[in-house]
Amino acid sequence: MECDQQSITIEVHPGSSKVSNVDCTLSNPSVHSMSADITVSSGNLSNAAPGSVTIPAGEELTFQVALRGESTMSPSMIDVAINASVTTINGVPCTFGCPEDSADVDVVIVQFARISAQTRAGELNLGVDQSAEVVIDLQNLGNGQDIFEIEIENQSGLESLGFSFDIQSTGNLDPQEKVPHNFTVTTGGDIPTETFEIEVYIRSSFDPEIEVMEVFIIQAEGPPEPLVTLGSDDTALIMGGVSVAGLILVFLIVFMGVRSARRRQLSRGPSEDDEWSEVDEYDDFDDLDDFM
């Protein structure tokens, strides 16, 4: 008996058939027709093969063995033995010296990567010089150990705006292992006031083509805007103008006070009522207009 393959692989990732086949050929060089029982020893693999076959005299017969794995299988190699034992010759039961033959096939269960990710907090509110943690629940849904790499989309661009990210990859995660993984976002003193949508990619180290994306929001509040932005020369000019205006205002107040006191003093005479009535109550302001 000869089989067409000595080693085969079985993919057990979700969506795969999880099945691989081996074709084996039995030869009967004798002048007698023979029947043979087929047995397959495949460990924890399911198998399907004909229970018995009949090989005409001087001919060959090919049969197929199907081997099936399960999605929970870890990466491994399984030895499969295929045996054919003659049970009858020309229809007569064979009881002594019956021919038999076997073939061995190595079956490799292929590792695959799968990732589950769920962000706990969907939004961060950050002001200047603040920090916060992002927590993502990660689970290794692959069938072997894996390390997940964490990457921020456009991280360099965000860093140029005043954000920084302290990110590390996970350690080795066993199949089905679930862990909370956190990283820190820190703001500087010059961040803009804006809403940012941050894309986080979680990628398998075993198979970099396997990745998932999570999104969280940063509501950033930058430093307050100054009411007036001036250069040093403009600032000095305005401050100087304010000082001069203040001095003029003080002078006017003193001047009006002196004039008012002088008029009250002149109004104290024999006919106080007549003198006072001659003074317009708005004269002080008229003087101010004259001054101006």
C-alpha atoms as a PDB file:
ATOM      1  CA  MET A   1       0.000   0.000   0.000  1.00  0.00           C
ATOM      2  CA  GLU A   2       1.216   3.470  -0.868  1.00  0.00           C
ATOM      3  CA  CYS A   3      -0.307   6.820   0.050  1.00  0.00           C
ATOM      4  CA  ASP A   4       0.121   9.990  -2.032  1.00  0.00           C
ATOM      5  CA  GLN A   5       1.213  12.096   0.951  1.00  0.00           C
ATOM      6  CA  GLN A   6       3.366  11.375   3.952  1.00  0.00           C
ATOM      7  CA  SER A   7       2.575  14.683   5.643  1.00  0.00           C
ATOM      8  CA  ILE A   8      -0.512  16.877   5.485  1.00  0.00           C
ATOM      9  CA  THR A   9      -1.805  19.979   7.251  1.00  0.00           C
ATOM     10  CA  ILE A  10      -5.214  20.762   8.674  1.00  0.00           C
ATOM     11  CA  GLU A  11      -6.442  24.340   9.080  1.00  0.00           C
ATOM     12  CA  VAL A  12      -8.786  24.619  12.060  1.00  0.00           C
ATOM     13  CA  HIS A  13      -9.460  28.383  12.131  1.00  0.00           C
ATOM     14  CA  PRO A  14     -13.090  29.586  12.018  1.00  0.00           C
ATOM     15  CA  GLY A  15     -14.464  29.260   8.513  1.00  0.00           C
ATOM     16  CA  SER A  16     -12.056  26.547   7.411  1.00  0.00           C
ATOM     17  CA  SER A  17     -13.163  23.048   6.415  1.00  0.00           C
ATOM     18  CA  LYS A  18     -10.911  21.519   9.117  1.00  0.00           C
ATOM     19  CA  VAL A  19     -10.554  18.498   6.816  1.00  0.00           C
ATOM     20  CA  SER A  20      -7.666  17.056   4.839  1.00  0.00           C
ATOM     21  CA  ASN A  21      -7.609  13.937   2.648  1.00  0.00           C
ATOM     22  CA  VAL A  22      -5.099  11.238   1.850  1.00  0.00           C
ATOM     23  CA  ASP A  23      -5.374   8.895  -1.157  1.00  0.00           C
ATOM     24  CA  CYS A  24      -3.904   5.428  -0.713  1.00  0.00           C
ATOM     25  CA  THR A  25      -3.480   2.701  -3.338  1.00  0.00           C
ATOM     26  CA  LEU A  26      -3.554  -1.073  -2.779  1.00  0.00           C
ATOM     27  CA  SER A  27      -1.874  -3.379  -5.320  1.00  0.00           C
ATOM     28  CA  ASN A  28      -2.774  -7.059  -5.865  1.00  0.00           C
ATOM     29  CA  PRO A  29      -0.080  -8.692  -7.990  1.00  0.00           C
ATOM     30  CA  SER A  30      -1.510 -12.197  -7.397  1.00  0.00           C
ATOM     31  CA  VAL A  31      -3.839 -14.185  -9.623  1.00  0.00           C
ATOM     32  CA  HIS A  32      -6.458 -14.223  -6.880  1.00  0.00           C
ATOM     33  CA  SER A  33      -9.059 -11.632  -5.945  1.00  0.00           C
ATOM     34  CA  MET A  34      -8.559 -10.333  -2.447  1.00  0.00           C
ATOM     35  CA  SER A  35     -10.670  -8.437   0.070  1.00  0.00           C
ATOM     36  CA  ALA A  36      -9.036  -6.313   2.789  1.00  0.00           C
ATOM     37  CA  ASP A  37     -10.241  -4.497   5.891  1.00  0.00           C
ATOM     38  CA  ILE A  38      -9.123  -0.886   6.267  1.00  0.00           C
ATOM     39  CA  THR A  39      -8.394   0.508   9.731  1.00  0.00           C
ATOM     40  CA  VAL A  40      -7.237   4.030  10.584  1.00  0.00           C
ATOM     41  CA  SER A  41      -5.648   5.083  13.874  1.00  0.00           C
ATOM     42  CA  SER A  42      -5.790   8.882  14.043  1.00  0.00           C
ATOM     43  CA  GLY A  43      -5.583   9.894  17.714  1.00  0.00           C
ATOM     44  CA  ASN A  44      -7.941  12.805  18.472  1.00  0.00           C
ATOM     45  CA  LEU A  45      -8.683  13.386  14.788  1.00  0.00           C
ATOM     46  CA  SER A  46     -11.943  12.158  13.365  1.00  0.00           C
ATOM     47  CA  ASN A  47     -11.509   9.972  10.283  1.00  0.00           C
ATOM     48  CA  ALA A  48     -13.575   8.485   7.501  1.00  0.00           C
ATOM     49  CA  ALA A  49     -12.443   5.580   5.284  1.00  0.00           C
ATOM     50  CA  PRO A  50     -13.989   2.503   3.664  1.00  0.00           C
ATOM     51  CA  GLY A  51     -14.290  -0.395   6.096  1.00  0.00           C
ATOM     52  CA  SER A  52     -13.204  -2.950   3.460  1.00  0.00           C
ATOM     53  CA  VAL A  53     -12.239  -3.053  -0.212  1.00  0.00           C
ATOM     54  CA  THR A  54     -11.869  -5.767  -2.869  1.00  0.00           C
ATOM     55  CA  ILE A  55      -8.854  -5.739  -5.176  1.00  0.00           C
ATOM     56  CA  PRO A  56      -9.209  -7.823  -8.348  1.00  0.00           C
ATOM     57  CA  ALA A  57      -6.349 -10.133  -9.343  1.00  0.00           C
ATOM     58  CA  GLY A  58      -3.447  -8.264 -10.923  1.00  0.00           C
ATOM     59  CA  GLU A  59      -5.016  -4.841 -10.369  1.00  0.00           C
ATOM     60  CA  GLU A  60      -4.831  -1.809  -8.120  1.00  0.00           C
ATOM     61  CA  LEU A  61      -7.466   0.005  -6.075  1.00  0.00           C
ATOM     62  CA  THR A  62      -7.327   3.527  -4.632  1.00  0.00           C
ATOM     63  CA  PHE A  63      -9.332   4.632  -1.614  1.00  0.00           C
ATOM     64  CA  GLN A  64      -9.478   7.890   0.310  1.00  0.00           C
ATOM     65  CA  VAL A  65      -9.033   8.634   4.003  1.00  0.00           C
ATOM     66  CA  ALA A  66     -10.539  11.898   5.310  1.00  0.00           C
ATOM     67  CA  LEU A  67      -9.121  13.368   8.514  1.00  0.00           C
ATOM     68  CA  ARG A  68     -10.934  16.096  10.432  1.00  0.00           C
ATOM     69  CA  GLY A  69      -9.751  18.382  13.235  1.00  0.00           C
ATOM     70  CA  GLU A  70     -11.602  20.684  15.641  1.00  0.00           C
ATOM     71  CA  SER A  71     -11.321  24.435  16.166  1.00  0.00           C
ATOM     72  CA  THR A  72     -10.240  23.937  19.780  1.00  0.00           C
ATOM     73  CA  MET A  73      -7.159  21.925  18.789  1.00  0.00           C
ATOM     74  CA  SER A  74      -3.782  23.353  19.681  1.00  0.00           C
ATOM     75  CA  PRO A  75      -0.979  23.437  17.114  1.00  0.00           C
ATOM     76  CA  SER A  76       0.526  19.969  17.077  1.00  0.00           C
ATOM     77  CA  MET A  77       1.610  17.010  14.963  1.00  0.00           C
ATOM     78  CA  ILE A  78      -0.448  13.818  15.024  1.00  0.00           C
ATOM     79  CA  ASP A  79       0.734  10.447  13.705  1.00  0.00           C
ATOM     80  CA  VAL A  80      -1.910   8.660  11.646  1.00  0.00           C
ATOM     81  CA  ALA A  81      -1.535   4.963  10.796  1.00  0.00           C
ATOM     82  CA  ILE A  82      -3.518   3.448   7.891  1.00  0.00           C
ATOM     83  CA  ASN A  83      -3.643  -0.348   7.734  1.00  0.00           C
ATOM     84  CA  ALA A  84      -4.991  -2.826   5.190  1.00  0.00           C
ATOM     85  CA  SER A  85      -5.374  -6.516   6.168  1.00  0.00           C
ATOM     86  CA  VAL A  86      -6.498  -9.210   3.697  1.00  0.00           C
ATOM     87  CA  THR A  87      -9.549 -11.052   5.024  1.00  0.00           C
ATOM     88  CA  THR A  88     -10.566 -13.251   2.047  1.00  0.00           C
ATOM     89  CA  ILE A  89      -8.890 -14.704  -1.008  1.00  0.00           C
ATOM     90  CA  ASN A  90     -11.238 -15.615  -3.855  1.00  0.00           C
ATOM     91  CA  GLY A  91     -14.041 -15.350  -1.307  1.00  0.00           C
ATOM     92  CA  VAL A  92     -12.449 -17.818   1.104  1.00  0.00           C
ATOM     93  CA  PRO A  93     -11.626 -16.487   4.582  1.00  0.00           C
ATOM     94  CA  CYS A  94      -7.942 -16.050   5.140  1.00  0.00           C
ATOM     95  CA  THR A  95      -6.822 -17.540   8.464  1.00  0.00           C
ATOM     96  CA  PHE A  96      -3.069 -17.937   8.201  1.00  0.00           C
ATOM     97  CA  GLY A  97      -0.301 -15.860   6.600  1.00  0.00           C
ATOM     98  CA  CYS A  98      -2.769 -13.269   5.376  1.00  0.00           C
ATOM     99  CA  PRO A  99      -1.075 -10.298   3.635  1.00  0.00           C
ATOM    100  CA  GLU A 100      -1.295  -6.844   5.229  1.00  0.00           C
ATOM    101  CA  ASP A 101       0.370  -3.493   4.770  1.00  0.00           C
ATOM    102  CA  SER A 102       0.285  -0.042   6.356  1.00  0.00           C
ATOM    103  CA  ALA A 103       1.293   3.552   5.767  1.00  0.00           C
ATOM    104  CA  ASP A 104       2.024   6.386   8.193  1.00  0.00           C
ATOM    105  CA  VAL A 105       0.962   9.998   7.664  1.00  0.00           C
ATOM    106  CA  ASP A 106       1.998  12.989   9.760  1.00  0.00           C
ATOM    107  CA  VAL A 107      -0.831  15.469  10.286  1.00  0.00           C
ATOM    108  CA  VAL A 108       0.086  19.025  11.305  1.00  0.00           C
ATOM    109  CA  ILE A 109      -2.562  21.102  13.071  1.00  0.00           C
ATOM    110  CA  VAL A 110      -1.869  24.671  11.923  1.00  0.00           C
ATOM    111  CA  GLN A 111      -1.828  27.545  14.394  1.00  0.00           C
ATOM    112  CA  PHE A 112      -4.147  30.461  13.719  1.00  0.00           C
ATOM    113  CA  ALA A 113      -4.595  33.887  15.285  1.00  0.00           C
ATOM    114  CA  ARG A 114      -7.822  35.570  16.329  1.00  0.00           C
ATOM    115  CA  ILE A 115      -8.374  38.618  18.555  1.00  0.00           C
ATOM    116  CA  SER A 116     -11.286  39.911  20.583  1.00  0.00           C
ATOM    117  CA  ALA A 117     -11.112  43.523  21.822  1.00  0.00           C
ATOM    118  CA  GLN A 118     -13.522  45.761  23.733  1.00  0.00           C
ATOM    119  CA  THR A 119     -12.726  49.292  24.919  1.00  0.00           C
ATOM    120  CA  ARG A 120     -14.162  50.044  28.359  1.00  0.00           C
ATOM    121  CA  ALA A 121     -14.354  53.862  28.164  1.00  0.00           C
ATOM    122  CA  GLY A 122     -15.395  55.404  24.887  1.00  0.00           C
ATOM    123  CA  GLU A 123     -14.490  59.006  25.723  1.00  0.00           C
ATOM    124  CA  LEU A 124     -11.768  60.877  27.633  1.00  0.00           C
ATOM    125  CA  ASN A 125     -12.010  64.525  28.719  1.00  0.00           C
ATOM    126  CA  LEU A 126      -8.544  66.013  28.983  1.00  0.00           C
ATOM    127  CA  GLY A 127      -7.273  69.497  29.692  1.00  0.00           C
ATOM    128  CA  VAL A 128      -3.703  70.740  29.553  1.00  0.00           C
ATOM    129  CA  ASP A 129      -1.049  68.751  31.424  1.00  0.00           C
ATOM    130  CA  GLN A 130      -3.399  65.898  32.304  1.00  0.00           C
ATOM    131  CA  SER A 131      -3.345  62.142  31.786  1.00  0.00           C
ATOM    132  CA  ALA A 132      -5.854  59.304  31.654  1.00  0.00           C
ATOM    133  CA  GLU A 133      -5.849  55.558  31.109  1.00  0.00           C
ATOM    134  CA  VAL A 134      -7.483  53.677  28.264  1.00  0.00           C
ATOM    135  CA  VAL A 135      -8.448  50.097  29.142  1.00  0.00           C
ATOM    136  CA  ILE A 136      -9.143  47.500  26.452  1.00  0.00           C
ATOM    137  CA  ASP A 137     -10.306  43.986  27.305  1.00  0.00           C
ATOM    138  CA  LEU A 138      -8.339  41.624  25.064  1.00  0.00           C
ATOM    139  CA  GLN A 139      -8.863  37.923  24.487  1.00  0.00           C
ATOM    140  CA  ASN A 140      -6.764  35.466  22.515  1.00  0.00           C
ATOM    141  CA  LEU A 141      -9.250  33.524  20.406  1.00  0.00           C
ATOM    142  CA  GLY A 142      -6.504  31.744  18.494  1.00  0.00           C
ATOM    143  CA  ASN A 143      -5.449  28.166  19.134  1.00  0.00           C
ATOM    144  CA  GLY A 144      -1.901  28.958  20.258  1.00  0.00           C
ATOM    145  CA  GLN A 145       0.058  31.401  22.372  1.00  0.00           C
ATOM    146  CA  ASP A 146       0.215  34.891  20.959  1.00  0.00           C
ATOM    147  CA  ILE A 147       1.397  38.414  21.755  1.00  0.00           C
ATOM    148  CA  PHE A 148      -0.716  41.384  20.721  1.00  0.00           C
ATOM    149  CA  GLU A 149       0.929  44.586  19.505  1.00  0.00           C
ATOM    150  CA  ILE A 150      -0.895  47.889  20.151  1.00  0.00           C
ATOM    151  CA  GLU A 151      -0.607  50.749  17.665  1.00  0.00           C
ATOM    152  CA  ILE A 152      -2.183  54.237  17.497  1.00  0.00           C
ATOM    153  CA  GLU A 153      -3.117  55.428  14.026  1.00  0.00           C
ATOM    154  CA  ASN A 154      -1.275  58.696  13.171  1.00  0.00           C
ATOM    155  CA  GLN A 155       0.500  58.657  16.524  1.00  0.00           C
ATOM    156  CA  SER A 156       3.276  60.990  15.329  1.00  0.00           C
ATOM    157  CA  GLY A 157       0.721  63.552  14.162  1.00  0.00           C
ATOM    158  CA  LEU A 158      -1.090  63.458  17.493  1.00  0.00           C
ATOM    159  CA  GLU A 159       2.202  63.827  19.349  1.00  0.00           C
ATOM    160  CA  SER A 160       2.973  66.956  17.329  1.00  0.00           C
ATOM    161  CA  LEU A 161      -0.254  68.452  18.747  1.00  0.00           C
ATOM    162  CA  GLY A 162       0.837  67.848  22.334  1.00  0.00           C
ATOM    163  CA  PHE A 163      -0.402  64.315  23.064  1.00  0.00           C
ATOM    164  CA  SER A 164       1.791  61.421  24.190  1.00  0.00           C
ATOM    165  CA  PHE A 165       0.990  57.714  24.494  1.00  0.00           C
ATOM    166  CA  ASP A 166       2.647  55.196  26.797  1.00  0.00           C
ATOM    167  CA  ILE A 167       1.871  51.891  25.055  1.00  0.00           C
ATOM    168  CA  GLN A 168       3.292  48.403  25.465  1.00  0.00           C
ATOM    169  CA  SER A 169       2.446  45.081  23.856  1.00  0.00           C
ATOM    170  CA  THR A 170       0.827  42.312  25.839  1.00  0.00           C
ATOM    171  CA  GLY A 171       2.750  39.409  27.252  1.00  0.00           C
ATOM    172  CA  ASN A 172       2.232  35.860  26.016  1.00  0.00           C
ATOM    173  CA  LEU A 173      -1.475  35.041  26.040  1.00  0.00           C
ATOM    174  CA  ASP A 174      -2.631  31.436  26.111  1.00  0.00           C
ATOM    175  CA  PRO A 175      -5.540  30.333  23.928  1.00  0.00           C
ATOM    176  CA  GLN A 176      -8.836  31.764  25.252  1.00  0.00           C
ATOM    177  CA  GLU A 177      -6.974  33.875  27.834  1.00  0.00           C
ATOM    178  CA  LYS A 178      -8.614  37.246  28.529  1.00  0.00           C
ATOM    179  CA  VAL A 179      -6.831  40.228  30.086  1.00  0.00           C
ATOM    180  CA  PRO A 180      -7.479  43.951  30.609  1.00  0.00           C
ATOM    181  CA  HIS A 181      -4.752  45.896  28.825  1.00  0.00           C
ATOM    182  CA  ASN A 182      -4.226  49.575  29.574  1.00  0.00           C
ATOM    183  CA  PHE A 183      -2.135  52.430  28.237  1.00  0.00           C
ATOM    184  CA  THR A 184      -1.785  56.082  29.239  1.00  0.00           C
ATOM    185  CA  VAL A 185      -2.635  59.221  27.274  1.00  0.00           C
ATOM    186  CA  THR A 186      -0.935  62.435  28.455  1.00  0.00           C
ATOM    187  CA  THR A 187      -1.454  66.007  27.274  1.00  0.00           C
ATOM    188  CA  GLY A 188       1.011  68.855  27.170  1.00  0.00           C
ATOM    189  CA  GLY A 189       0.411  72.559  27.712  1.00  0.00           C
ATOM    190  CA  ASP A 190      -0.352  73.524  24.116  1.00  0.00           C
ATOM    191  CA  ILE A 191      -3.042  71.074  23.020  1.00  0.00           C
ATOM    192  CA  PRO A 192      -5.830  72.495  20.865  1.00  0.00           C
ATOM    193  CA  THR A 193      -9.447  72.616  21.956  1.00  0.00           C
ATOM    194  CA  GLU A 194     -10.877  69.968  19.702  1.00  0.00           C
ATOM    195  CA  THR A 195     -12.488  66.519  19.501  1.00  0.00           C
ATOM    196  CA  PHE A 196     -10.213  63.695  18.368  1.00  0.00           C
ATOM    197  CA  GLU A 197     -11.267  60.228  17.220  1.00  0.00           C
ATOM    198  CA  ILE A 198      -8.423  57.864  18.080  1.00  0.00           C
ATOM    199  CA  GLU A 199      -8.082  54.580  16.208  1.00  0.00           C
ATOM    200  CA  VAL A 200      -6.278  51.803  18.080  1.00  0.00           C
ATOM    201  CA  TYR A 201      -5.061  48.757  16.143  1.00  0.00           C
ATOM    202  CA  ILE A 202      -4.443  45.476  17.971  1.00  0.00           C
ATOM    203  CA  ARG A 203      -2.310  43.147  15.873  1.00  0.00           C
ATOM    204  CA  SER A 204      -1.223  39.532  16.294  1.00  0.00           C
ATOM    205  CA  SER A 205       2.517  38.926  16.549  1.00  0.00           C
ATOM    206  CA  PHE A 206       2.072  35.407  15.195  1.00  0.00           C
ATOM    207  CA  ASP A 207       0.130  36.570  12.138  1.00  0.00           C
ATOM    208  CA  PRO A 208       0.437  40.347  11.531  1.00  0.00           C
ATOM    209  CA  GLU A 209      -2.366  40.174   8.974  1.00  0.00           C
ATOM    210  CA  ILE A 210      -4.789  39.487  11.823  1.00  0.00           C
ATOM    211  CA  GLU A 211      -5.808  42.737  13.490  1.00  0.00           C
ATOM    212  CA  VAL A 212      -8.817  44.463  14.994  1.00  0.00           C
ATOM    213  CA  MET A 213      -9.531  48.150  15.483  1.00  0.00           C
ATOM    214  CA  GLU A 214     -11.036  49.946  18.460  1.00  0.00           C
ATOM    215  CA  VAL A 215     -11.975  53.635  18.629  1.00  0.00           C
ATOM    216  CA  PHE A 216     -12.153  56.079  21.524  1.00  0.00           C
ATOM    217  CA  ILE A 217     -12.734  59.833  21.686  1.00  0.00           C
ATOM    218  CA  ILE A 218     -10.592  62.538  23.284  1.00  0.00           C
ATOM    219  CA  GLN A 219     -12.400  65.743  24.145  1.00  0.00           C
ATOM    220  CA  ALA A 220      -9.423  68.065  24.471  1.00  0.00           C
ATOM    221  CA  GLU A 221      -9.623  71.505  26.080  1.00  0.00           C
ATOM    222  CA  GLY A 222      -6.560  73.613  25.445  1.00  0.00           C
ATOM    223  CA  PRO A 223      -5.371  76.705  27.334  1.00  0.00           C
ATOM    224  CA  PRO A 224      -7.761  79.720  27.345  1.00  0.00           C
ATOM    225  CA  GLU A 225      -7.293  82.144  24.494  1.00  0.00           C
ATOM    226  CA  PRO A 226      -5.948  85.641  25.490  1.00  0.00           C
ATOM    227  CA  LEU A 227      -8.493  88.462  25.108  1.00  0.00           C
ATOM    228  CA  VAL A 228      -5.989  90.569  23.117  1.00  0.00           C
ATOM    229  CA  THR A 229      -2.809  89.364  21.571  1.00  0.00           C
ATOM    230  CA  LEU A 230      -0.251  92.123  21.223  1.00  0.00           C
ATOM    231  CA  GLY A 231       3.397  92.438  20.499  1.00  0.00           C
ATOM    232  CA  SER A 232       5.719  93.966  23.072  1.00  0.00           C
ATOM    233  CA  ASP A 233       5.786  97.384  21.332  1.00  0.00           C
ATOM    234  CA  ASP A 234       1.992  97.545  21.054  1.00  0.00           C
ATOM    235  CA  THR A 235       1.592  96.526  24.684  1.00  0.00           C
ATOM    236  CA  ALA A 236       3.976  99.268  25.846  1.00  0.00           C
ATOM    237  CA  LEU A 237       2.161 101.868  23.739  1.00  0.00           C
ATOM    238  CA  ILE A 238      -1.249 100.948  25.148  1.00  0.00           C
ATOM    239  CA  MET A 239       0.011 100.835  28.739  1.00  0.00           C
ATOM    240  CA  GLY A 240       1.567 104.258  28.253  1.00  0.00           C
ATOM    241  CA  GLY A 241      -1.681 105.643  26.834  1.00  0.00           C
ATOM    242  CA  VAL A 242      -3.655 104.245  29.754  1.00  0.00           C
ATOM    243  CA  SER A 243      -1.270 105.939  32.234  1.00  0.00           C
ATOM    244  CA  VAL A 244      -1.595 109.371  30.536  1.00  0.00           C
ATOM    245  CA  ALA A 245      -5.393 109.091  30.377  1.00  0.00           C
ATOM    246  CA  GLY A 246      -5.467 108.262  34.079  1.00  0.00           C
ATOM    247  CA  LEU A 247      -3.428 111.362  34.947  1.00  0.00           C
ATOM    248  CA  ILE A 248      -5.710 113.616  32.869  1.00  0.00           C
ATOM    249  CA  LEU A 249      -8.767 112.164  34.573  1.00  0.00           C
ATOM    250  CA  VAL A 250      -7.309 112.859  38.037  1.00  0.00           C
ATOM    251  CA  PHE A 251      -6.449 116.418  37.026  1.00  0.00           C
ATOM    252  CA  LEU A 252      -9.999 117.053  35.798  1.00  0.00           C
ATOM    253  CA  ILE A 253     -11.538 115.736  38.995  1.00  0.00           C
ATOM    254  CA  VAL A 254      -9.280 118.011  41.122  1.00  0.00           C
ATOM    255  CA  PHE A 255      -9.994 120.993  38.874  1.00  0.00           C
ATOM    256  CA  MET A 256     -13.745 120.507  39.102  1.00  0.00           C
ATOM    257  CA  GLY A 257     -13.550 120.146  42.876  1.00  0.00           C
ATOM    258  CA  VAL A 258     -11.620 123.414  43.258  1.00  0.00           C
ATOM    259  CA  ARG A 259     -14.051 125.338  41.028  1.00  0.00           C
ATOM    260  CA  SER A 260     -17.029 123.967  42.910  1.00  0.00           C
ATOM    261  CA  ALA A 261     -15.572 124.959  46.297  1.00  0.00           C
ATOM    262  CA  ARG A 262     -14.780 128.473  45.040  1.00  0.00           C
ATOM    263  CA  ARG A 263     -18.323 129.015  43.819  1.00  0.00           C
ATOM    264  CA  ARG A 264     -19.810 127.830  47.091  1.00  0.00           C
ATOM    265  CA  GLN A 265     -17.569 130.269  48.951  1.00  0.00           C
ATOM    266  CA  LEU A 266     -18.684 133.195  46.746  1.00  0.00           C
ATOM    267  CA  SER A 267     -22.296 132.286  47.224  1.00  0.00           C
ATOM    268  CA  ARG A 268     -22.190 132.902  50.980  1.00  0.00           C
ATOM    269  CA  GLY A 269     -23.334 136.561  51.012  1.00  0.00           C
ATOM    270  CA  PRO A 270     -26.259 138.666  52.292  1.00  0.00           C
ATOM    271  CA  SER A 271     -28.489 137.482  49.554  1.00  0.00           C
ATOM    272  CA  GLU A 272     -27.350 133.893  49.654  1.00  0.00           C
ATOM    273  CA  ASP A 273     -30.395 132.554  47.865  1.00  0.00           C
ATOM    274  CA  ASP A 274     -30.043 135.058  44.991  1.00  0.00           C
ATOM    275  CA  GLU A 275     -26.330 134.432  44.639  1.00  0.00           C
ATOM    276  CA  TRP A 276     -26.781 130.663  44.656  1.00  0.00           C
ATOM    277  CA  SER A 277     -29.586 130.810  42.162  1.00  0.00           C
ATOM    278  CA  GLU A 278     -27.278 132.586  39.750  1.00  0.00           C
ATOM    279  CA  VAL A 279     -24.966 129.606  39.767  1.00  0.00           C
ATOM    280  CA  ASP A 280     -25.999 127.020  37.201  1.00  0.00           C
ATOM    281  CA  GLU A 281     -25.909 123.560  38.684  1.00  0.00           C
ATOM    282  CA  TYR A 282     -24.378 122.343  35.435  1.00  0.00           C
ATOM    283  CA  ASP A 283     -21.603 124.927  35.339  1.00  0.00           C
ATOM    284  CA  ASP A 284     -19.038 122.439  36.503  1.00  0.00           C
ATOM    285  CA  PHE A 285     -19.721 120.276  33.486  1.00  0.00           C
ATOM    286  CA  ASP A 286     -19.718 123.285  31.186  1.00  0.00           C
ATOM    287  CA  ASP A 287     -16.264 124.099  32.503  1.00  0.00           C
ATOM    288  CA  LEU A 288     -15.266 120.591  31.706  1.00  0.00           C
ATOM    289  CA  ASP A 289     -16.539 121.017  28.167  1.00  0.00           C
ATOM    290  CA  ASP A 290     -14.541 124.239  27.868  1.00  0.00           C
ATOM    291  CA  PHE A 291     -11.470 122.449  29.067  1.00  0.00           C
ATOM    292  CA  MET A 292     -11.901 119.676  26.616  1.00  0.00           C
END
